[in-house]
């Protein structure tokens, strides 16, 4: 595959096929300087394994942590990171940008049948 997004979605499909619980995080909007464009994705499993990128550094660590709660609770969540946030330096967006990341649980076909 030549499309990184397709490759990441294939990872999610494979992980679901292995019985893993999965969430997908997607950059839905950016303002100012942002390391990754809207549409970038990160695939995360319940154990904190991940593939892809939505930003870098501590932002990704925070998204992976939040994804664990999304998987456990079964409800999507919109996250915002940016310089206006008191944690901007902590999560690595002190460059003046902001991003919104939508994290959603993925349900495999076998789960829908039950």
C-alpha atoms as a PDB file:
ATOM      1  CA  UNK A   1       0.000   0.000   0.000  1.00  0.00           C
ATOM      2  CA  UNK A   2       1.219   3.463  -0.870  1.00  0.00           C
ATOM      3  CA  UNK A   3      -1.295   5.319   1.292  1.00  0.00           C
ATOM      4  CA  UNK A   4      -0.209   5.685   4.942  1.00  0.00           C
ATOM      5  CA  UNK A   5      -3.815   6.194   6.065  1.00  0.00           C
ATOM      6  CA  UNK A   6      -4.908   2.950   4.374  1.00  0.00           C
ATOM      7  CA  UNK A   7      -1.969   1.170   5.983  1.00  0.00           C
ATOM      8  CA  UNK A   8      -2.999   2.427   9.426  1.00  0.00           C
ATOM      9  CA  UNK A   9      -6.614   1.406   8.884  1.00  0.00           C
ATOM     10  CA  UNK A  10      -5.304  -2.043   7.874  1.00  0.00           C
ATOM     11  CA  UNK A  11      -3.414  -2.146  11.202  1.00  0.00           C
ATOM     12  CA  UNK A  12      -6.682  -1.375  13.028  1.00  0.00           C
ATOM     13  CA  UNK A  13      -8.467  -4.116  11.077  1.00  0.00           C
ATOM     14  CA  UNK A  14      -5.701  -6.618  11.857  1.00  0.00           C
ATOM     15  CA  UNK A  15      -5.697  -5.723  15.544  1.00  0.00           C
ATOM     16  CA  UNK A  16      -9.463  -6.138  15.693  1.00  0.00           C
ATOM     17  CA  UNK A  17      -9.051  -9.512  14.000  1.00  0.00           C
ATOM     18  CA  UNK A  18      -6.642 -10.491  16.776  1.00  0.00           C
ATOM     19  CA  UNK A  19      -9.326  -9.650  19.343  1.00  0.00           C
ATOM     20  CA  UNK A  20      -7.712  -6.412  20.479  1.00  0.00           C
ATOM     21  CA  UNK A  21      -9.791  -3.399  21.487  1.00  0.00           C
ATOM     22  CA  UNK A  22      -8.968  -0.432  19.258  1.00  0.00           C
ATOM     23  CA  UNK A  23      -9.478   3.314  19.012  1.00  0.00           C
ATOM     24  CA  UNK A  24      -8.622   5.673  16.182  1.00  0.00           C
ATOM     25  CA  UNK A  25      -7.511   9.244  16.839  1.00  0.00           C
ATOM     26  CA  UNK A  26      -7.893  11.706  13.958  1.00  0.00           C
ATOM     27  CA  UNK A  27      -6.653  15.292  13.673  1.00  0.00           C
ATOM     28  CA  UNK A  28      -9.875  17.101  12.788  1.00  0.00           C
ATOM     29  CA  UNK A  29      -8.671  20.696  12.809  1.00  0.00           C
ATOM     30  CA  UNK A  30      -5.470  22.687  13.168  1.00  0.00           C
ATOM     31  CA  UNK A  31      -4.745  26.376  13.765  1.00  0.00           C
ATOM     32  CA  UNK A  32      -1.386  28.063  13.335  1.00  0.00           C
ATOM     33  CA  UNK A  33       1.701  25.900  13.483  1.00  0.00           C
ATOM     34  CA  UNK A  34       0.857  22.208  13.821  1.00  0.00           C
ATOM     35  CA  UNK A  35       3.183  19.244  13.252  1.00  0.00           C
ATOM     36  CA  UNK A  36       0.600  17.074  11.434  1.00  0.00           C
ATOM     37  CA  UNK A  37      -2.230  18.102   9.074  1.00  0.00           C
ATOM     38  CA  UNK A  38      -5.940  17.475   9.528  1.00  0.00           C
ATOM     39  CA  UNK A  39      -6.745  13.889   8.583  1.00  0.00           C
ATOM     40  CA  UNK A  40      -3.636  12.417  10.222  1.00  0.00           C
ATOM     41  CA  UNK A  41      -4.469   9.343  12.288  1.00  0.00           C
ATOM     42  CA  UNK A  42      -3.166   7.297  15.184  1.00  0.00           C
ATOM     43  CA  UNK A  43      -4.381   3.746  15.839  1.00  0.00           C
ATOM     44  CA  UNK A  44      -4.259   2.703  19.509  1.00  0.00           C
ATOM     45  CA  UNK A  45      -5.069  -0.551  21.288  1.00  0.00           C
ATOM     46  CA  UNK A  46      -6.226  -1.040  24.886  1.00  0.00           C
ATOM     47  CA  UNK A  47      -2.672  -1.909  25.976  1.00  0.00           C
ATOM     48  CA  UNK A  48      -1.315   1.429  24.752  1.00  0.00           C
ATOM     49  CA  UNK A  49       0.340   0.110  21.597  1.00  0.00           C
ATOM     50  CA  UNK A  50       0.005   2.559  18.720  1.00  0.00           C
ATOM     51  CA  UNK A  51       0.836   3.161  15.076  1.00  0.00           C
ATOM     52  CA  UNK A  52       0.731   6.446  13.160  1.00  0.00           C
ATOM     53  CA  UNK A  53       0.991  10.041  14.310  1.00  0.00           C
ATOM     54  CA  UNK A  54      -1.288  12.941  15.199  1.00  0.00           C
ATOM     55  CA  UNK A  55       1.369  15.338  16.412  1.00  0.00           C
ATOM     56  CA  UNK A  56       4.439  14.094  18.169  1.00  0.00           C
ATOM     57  CA  UNK A  57       6.021  13.940  21.568  1.00  0.00           C
ATOM     58  CA  UNK A  58       3.818  14.444  24.576  1.00  0.00           C
ATOM     59  CA  UNK A  59       0.675  15.137  22.554  1.00  0.00           C
ATOM     60  CA  UNK A  60       0.759  11.568  21.303  1.00  0.00           C
ATOM     61  CA  UNK A  61       1.354  10.260  24.825  1.00  0.00           C
ATOM     62  CA  UNK A  62      -1.679  12.195  26.026  1.00  0.00           C
ATOM     63  CA  UNK A  63      -3.828  10.954  23.118  1.00  0.00           C
ATOM     64  CA  UNK A  64      -2.797   7.343  23.811  1.00  0.00           C
ATOM     65  CA  UNK A  65      -3.739   7.779  27.481  1.00  0.00           C
ATOM     66  CA  UNK A  66      -7.115   9.316  26.582  1.00  0.00           C
ATOM     67  CA  UNK A  67      -7.715   6.523  24.047  1.00  0.00           C
ATOM     68  CA  UNK A  68      -7.530   3.981  26.869  1.00  0.00           C
ATOM     69  CA  UNK A  69     -10.504   5.700  28.515  1.00  0.00           C
ATOM     70  CA  UNK A  70     -12.359   5.927  25.208  1.00  0.00           C
ATOM     71  CA  UNK A  71     -11.884   2.195  24.636  1.00  0.00           C
ATOM     72  CA  UNK A  72     -12.945   1.332  28.180  1.00  0.00           C
ATOM     73  CA  UNK A  73     -15.968   3.640  28.138  1.00  0.00           C
ATOM     74  CA  UNK A  74     -17.012   3.054  24.541  1.00  0.00           C
ATOM     75  CA  UNK A  75     -17.609   6.778  23.940  1.00  0.00           C
ATOM     76  CA  UNK A  76     -15.770   9.089  21.566  1.00  0.00           C
ATOM     77  CA  UNK A  77     -14.022  12.199  22.837  1.00  0.00           C
ATOM     78  CA  UNK A  78     -12.785  15.443  21.272  1.00  0.00           C
ATOM     79  CA  UNK A  79      -9.416  16.603  22.608  1.00  0.00           C
ATOM     80  CA  UNK A  80      -7.849  20.014  22.130  1.00  0.00           C
ATOM     81  CA  UNK A  81      -4.190  20.876  22.561  1.00  0.00           C
ATOM     82  CA  UNK A  82      -2.685  24.292  22.129  1.00  0.00           C
ATOM     83  CA  UNK A  83      -0.668  27.225  23.284  1.00  0.00           C
ATOM     84  CA  UNK A  84      -3.670  28.749  25.083  1.00  0.00           C
ATOM     85  CA  UNK A  85      -3.835  25.671  27.287  1.00  0.00           C
ATOM     86  CA  UNK A  86      -1.754  25.785  30.467  1.00  0.00           C
ATOM     87  CA  UNK A  87      -0.335  22.405  29.433  1.00  0.00           C
ATOM     88  CA  UNK A  88       0.952  23.655  26.051  1.00  0.00           C
ATOM     89  CA  UNK A  89       4.600  23.271  27.026  1.00  0.00           C
ATOM     90  CA  UNK A  90       3.858  19.918  28.604  1.00  0.00           C
ATOM     91  CA  UNK A  91       2.305  18.427  25.477  1.00  0.00           C
ATOM     92  CA  UNK A  92       4.698  20.016  23.008  1.00  0.00           C
ATOM     93  CA  UNK A  93       2.647  22.716  21.240  1.00  0.00           C
ATOM     94  CA  UNK A  94       4.495  25.740  22.571  1.00  0.00           C
ATOM     95  CA  UNK A  95       5.143  26.709  18.923  1.00  0.00           C
ATOM     96  CA  UNK A  96       1.859  28.611  18.852  1.00  0.00           C
ATOM     97  CA  UNK A  97      -0.379  26.040  17.195  1.00  0.00           C
ATOM     98  CA  UNK A  98      -3.545  24.289  18.288  1.00  0.00           C
ATOM     99  CA  UNK A  99      -4.996  20.976  17.213  1.00  0.00           C
ATOM    100  CA  UNK A 100      -8.238  19.130  17.802  1.00  0.00           C
ATOM    101  CA  UNK A 101      -8.090  15.350  17.868  1.00  0.00           C
ATOM    102  CA  UNK A 102     -11.212  13.169  17.745  1.00  0.00           C
ATOM    103  CA  UNK A 103     -10.719   9.809  19.464  1.00  0.00           C
ATOM    104  CA  UNK A 104     -13.292   7.105  18.768  1.00  0.00           C
ATOM    105  CA  UNK A 105     -13.583   3.453  19.710  1.00  0.00           C
ATOM    106  CA  UNK A 106     -13.667   1.004  16.814  1.00  0.00           C
ATOM    107  CA  UNK A 107     -16.053  -1.916  16.988  1.00  0.00           C
ATOM    108  CA  UNK A 108     -15.269  -5.005  14.945  1.00  0.00           C
ATOM    109  CA  UNK A 109     -17.872  -6.719  12.782  1.00  0.00           C
ATOM    110  CA  UNK A 110     -18.005  -9.662  15.143  1.00  0.00           C
ATOM    111  CA  UNK A 111     -19.027  -7.315  17.984  1.00  0.00           C
ATOM    112  CA  UNK A 112     -21.902  -5.911  15.914  1.00  0.00           C
ATOM    113  CA  UNK A 113     -23.436  -9.358  15.411  1.00  0.00           C
ATOM    114  CA  UNK A 114     -24.016  -9.938  19.134  1.00  0.00           C
END
